[in-house]
C-alpha atoms as a PDB file:
ATOM      1  CA  GLN A   1      12.016  -2.029  15.818  1.00  0.00           C
ATOM      2  CA  VAL A   2       9.109  -1.680  13.433  1.00  0.00           C
ATOM      3  CA  GLN A   3      10.019  -2.012   9.773  1.00  0.00           C
ATOM      4  CA  LEU A   4       7.920  -1.918   6.629  1.00  0.00           C
ATOM      5  CA  VAL A   5       9.698  -2.803   3.416  1.00  0.00           C
ATOM      6  CA  GLU A   6       7.933  -2.398   0.093  1.00  0.00           C
ATOM      7  CA  SER A   7       8.833  -4.174  -3.110  1.00  0.00           C
ATOM      8  CA  GLY A   8       7.367  -4.865  -6.520  1.00  0.00           C
ATOM      9  CA  GLY A   9       7.397  -1.416  -8.036  1.00  0.00           C
ATOM     10  CA  GLY A  10       8.827  -0.672 -11.432  1.00  0.00           C
ATOM     11  CA  LEU A  11       8.102   0.483 -14.953  1.00  0.00           C
ATOM     12  CA  VAL A  12       5.003  -0.844 -16.668  1.00  0.00           C
ATOM     13  CA  GLN A  13       3.089   0.080 -19.797  1.00  0.00           C
ATOM     14  CA  ALA A  14      -0.377   1.536 -19.602  1.00  0.00           C
ATOM     15  CA  GLY A  15      -2.918  -1.226 -19.284  1.00  0.00           C
ATOM     16  CA  GLY A  16      -0.495  -3.469 -17.437  1.00  0.00           C
ATOM     17  CA  SER A  17      -0.481  -4.829 -13.907  1.00  0.00           C
ATOM     18  CA  LEU A  18       1.802  -4.832 -10.901  1.00  0.00           C
ATOM     19  CA  ARG A  19       1.718  -6.432  -7.500  1.00  0.00           C
ATOM     20  CA  LEU A  20       3.259  -4.558  -4.621  1.00  0.00           C
ATOM     21  CA  SER A  21       4.349  -6.321  -1.469  1.00  0.00           C
ATOM     22  CA  CYS A  22       5.048  -4.984   2.002  1.00  0.00           C
ATOM     23  CA  ALA A  23       6.987  -7.018   4.533  1.00  0.00           C
ATOM     24  CA  VAL A  24       6.070  -6.044   8.078  1.00  0.00           C
ATOM     25  CA  SER A  25       8.341  -6.763  11.016  1.00  0.00           C
ATOM     26  CA  GLY A  26       8.631  -5.713  14.647  1.00  0.00           C
ATOM     27  CA  VAL A  27       4.889  -5.272  15.160  1.00  0.00           C
ATOM     28  CA  SER A  28       1.856  -7.492  15.342  1.00  0.00           C
ATOM     29  CA  MET A  29      -0.200  -7.765  12.169  1.00  0.00           C
ATOM     30  CA  THR A  30      -3.303  -7.241  14.291  1.00  0.00           C
ATOM     31  CA  ILE A  31      -2.180  -3.946  15.814  1.00  0.00           C
ATOM     32  CA  GLY A  32      -4.407  -1.941  13.500  1.00  0.00           C
ATOM     33  CA  PRO A  33      -5.405  -1.241   9.919  1.00  0.00           C
ATOM     34  CA  MET A  34      -2.748  -1.641   7.253  1.00  0.00           C
ATOM     35  CA  GLY A  35      -2.753  -0.118   3.858  1.00  0.00           C
ATOM     36  CA  TRP A  36      -1.230   1.650   0.928  1.00  0.00           C
ATOM     37  CA  TYR A  37      -0.870   5.317   0.100  1.00  0.00           C
ATOM     38  CA  ARG A  38       0.759   7.023  -2.842  1.00  0.00           C
ATOM     39  CA  GLN A  39       2.349  10.335  -3.658  1.00  0.00           C
ATOM     40  CA  ALA A  40       2.753  11.645  -7.170  1.00  0.00           C
ATOM     41  CA  PRO A  41       5.217  14.414  -8.007  1.00  0.00           C
ATOM     42  CA  GLY A  42       3.933  17.771  -6.815  1.00  0.00           C
ATOM     43  CA  LYS A  43       0.934  16.236  -5.062  1.00  0.00           C
ATOM     44  CA  GLN A  44       0.036  15.295  -1.524  1.00  0.00           C
ATOM     45  CA  ARG A  45       0.133  11.748  -0.285  1.00  0.00           C
ATOM     46  CA  GLU A  46      -3.245  10.109  -0.826  1.00  0.00           C
ATOM     47  CA  LEU A  47      -5.071   7.018   0.263  1.00  0.00           C
ATOM     48  CA  VAL A  48      -5.004   4.037  -2.066  1.00  0.00           C
ATOM     49  CA  ALA A  49      -6.467   1.272   0.076  1.00  0.00           C
ATOM     50  CA  THR A  50      -6.651   0.080   3.657  1.00  0.00           C
ATOM     51  CA  MET A  51      -7.637  -3.158   5.286  1.00  0.00           C
ATOM     52  CA  SER A  52      -8.788  -3.495   8.855  1.00  0.00           C
ATOM     53  CA  THR A  53      -7.779  -6.258  11.225  1.00  0.00           C
ATOM     54  CA  GLY A  54     -11.215  -7.717  10.648  1.00  0.00           C
ATOM     55  CA  GLY A  55     -10.701  -7.838   6.895  1.00  0.00           C
ATOM     56  CA  ASN A  56     -12.777  -4.835   5.862  1.00  0.00           C
ATOM     57  CA  ARG A  57     -11.363  -3.115   2.801  1.00  0.00           C
ATOM     58  CA  ASN A  58     -11.520   0.559   1.955  1.00  0.00           C
ATOM     59  CA  TYR A  59     -10.464   2.014  -1.394  1.00  0.00           C
ATOM     60  CA  ALA A  60     -10.092   5.427  -2.907  1.00  0.00           C
ATOM     61  CA  ASP A  61     -13.219   5.888  -5.000  1.00  0.00           C
ATOM     62  CA  SER A  62     -11.252   6.398  -8.192  1.00  0.00           C
ATOM     63  CA  LEU A  63      -9.400   3.103  -7.756  1.00  0.00           C
ATOM     64  CA  LYS A  64     -12.262   0.764  -6.948  1.00  0.00           C
ATOM     65  CA  GLY A  65     -12.379  -2.151  -9.331  1.00  0.00           C
ATOM     66  CA  ARG A  66      -8.762  -1.810 -10.459  1.00  0.00           C
ATOM     67  CA  PHE A  67      -6.810  -2.166  -7.224  1.00  0.00           C
ATOM     68  CA  SER A  68      -7.099  -4.873  -4.604  1.00  0.00           C
ATOM     69  CA  ILE A  69      -5.536  -5.010  -1.151  1.00  0.00           C
ATOM     70  CA  SER A  70      -4.862  -8.180   0.784  1.00  0.00           C
ATOM     71  CA  ARG A  71      -2.861  -9.297   3.784  1.00  0.00           C
ATOM     72  CA  ASP A  72      -1.313 -12.506   5.020  1.00  0.00           C
ATOM     73  CA  ASN A  73      -0.998 -12.371   8.778  1.00  0.00           C
ATOM     74  CA  PHE A  74       1.003 -15.602   8.869  1.00  0.00           C
ATOM     75  CA  LYS A  75       3.626 -14.266   6.491  1.00  0.00           C
ATOM     76  CA  ASN A  76       3.490 -10.709   7.886  1.00  0.00           C
ATOM     77  CA  MET A  77       2.775  -9.357   4.424  1.00  0.00           C
ATOM     78  CA  VAL A  78       0.458  -6.794   2.893  1.00  0.00           C
ATOM     79  CA  TYR A  79      -0.171  -6.766  -0.847  1.00  0.00           C
ATOM     80  CA  LEU A  80      -1.580  -4.412  -3.436  1.00  0.00           C
ATOM     81  CA  GLU A  81      -2.684  -5.817  -6.765  1.00  0.00           C
ATOM     82  CA  MET A  82      -2.923  -3.093  -9.393  1.00  0.00           C
ATOM     83  CA  ASN A  83      -4.585  -3.697 -12.755  1.00  0.00           C
ATOM     84  CA  SER A  84      -5.367  -1.592 -15.832  1.00  0.00           C
ATOM     85  CA  LEU A  85      -2.699   0.864 -14.819  1.00  0.00           C
ATOM     86  CA  ASN A  86      -2.624   4.279 -16.418  1.00  0.00           C
ATOM     87  CA  VAL A  87      -0.128   7.132 -16.392  1.00  0.00           C
ATOM     88  CA  GLU A  88      -2.047   8.836 -13.573  1.00  0.00           C
ATOM     89  CA  ASP A  89      -1.107   5.920 -11.323  1.00  0.00           C
ATOM     90  CA  THR A  90       2.548   6.919 -11.517  1.00  0.00           C
ATOM     91  CA  ALA A  91       3.670   7.647  -7.970  1.00  0.00           C
ATOM     92  CA  VAL A  92       5.687   6.436  -5.031  1.00  0.00           C
ATOM     93  CA  TYR A  93       3.611   3.867  -3.161  1.00  0.00           C
ATOM     94  CA  TYR A  94       3.950   3.629   0.601  1.00  0.00           C
ATOM     95  CA  CYS A  95       2.944   0.858   2.949  1.00  0.00           C
ATOM     96  CA  ASN A  96       1.299   1.988   6.171  1.00  0.00           C
ATOM     97  CA  VAL A  97       0.507   0.489   9.553  1.00  0.00           C
ATOM     98  CA  ASP A  98      -1.946   2.526  11.604  1.00  0.00           C
ATOM     99  CA  ALA A  99      -0.894   1.940  15.197  1.00  0.00           C
ATOM    100  CA  ARG A 100      -2.403   5.146  16.562  1.00  0.00           C
ATOM    101  CA  ASN A 101      -4.815   3.264  18.810  1.00  0.00           C
ATOM    102  CA  SER A 102      -2.058   1.136  20.294  1.00  0.00           C
ATOM    103  CA  GLY A 103       0.705   1.820  22.746  1.00  0.00           C
ATOM    104  CA  TYR A 104       2.758   3.189  19.861  1.00  0.00           C
ATOM    105  CA  GLY A 105       0.277   5.990  19.243  1.00  0.00           C
ATOM    106  CA  ARG A 106       1.494   6.631  15.704  1.00  0.00           C
ATOM    107  CA  ASN A 107       1.553   5.569  12.094  1.00  0.00           C
ATOM    108  CA  PHE A 108       4.422   3.611  10.612  1.00  0.00           C
ATOM    109  CA  TRP A 109       5.545   4.004   7.007  1.00  0.00           C
ATOM    110  CA  GLY A 110       7.778   2.165   4.603  1.00  0.00           C
ATOM    111  CA  GLN A 111      10.372   3.880   2.468  1.00  0.00           C
ATOM    112  CA  GLY A 112       8.194   3.645  -0.632  1.00  0.00           C
ATOM    113  CA  THR A 113       8.435   1.933  -3.976  1.00  0.00           C
ATOM    114  CA  GLN A 114       8.291   3.761  -7.297  1.00  0.00           C
ATOM    115  CA  VAL A 115       5.626   2.827  -9.813  1.00  0.00           C
ATOM    116  CA  THR A 116       5.970   4.378 -13.248  1.00  0.00           C
ATOM    117  CA  VAL A 117       3.350   3.821 -15.930  1.00  0.00           C
ATOM    118  CA  SER A 118       4.326   4.694 -19.487  1.00  0.00           C
ATOM    119  CA  SER A 119       1.882   5.547 -22.231  1.00  0.00           C
END
């Protein structure tokens, strides 16, 4: 059973930092790209960052320089370091494993972790 469990969200003041973690179980860490998405109230889910199995990183243009994605294949973890947070970063953040090109043929998602940035 594939499980993604996010942690590290919370309330932070504008200008602060948070580190999100995603524990991955039930699937190989090399099955495909892994990443983070977010969904703010009343908005569609959007890309934050992804990281390929080869280590290539892709970020939403608006987040480059503030957010950093990393993964630890030995610990089965994916991380998102978020700096200089602002109120527009308030959202539920979801961990993603893209297994569409595998035998699973689908994406996997965590339950999400709330990040709230206060002004």
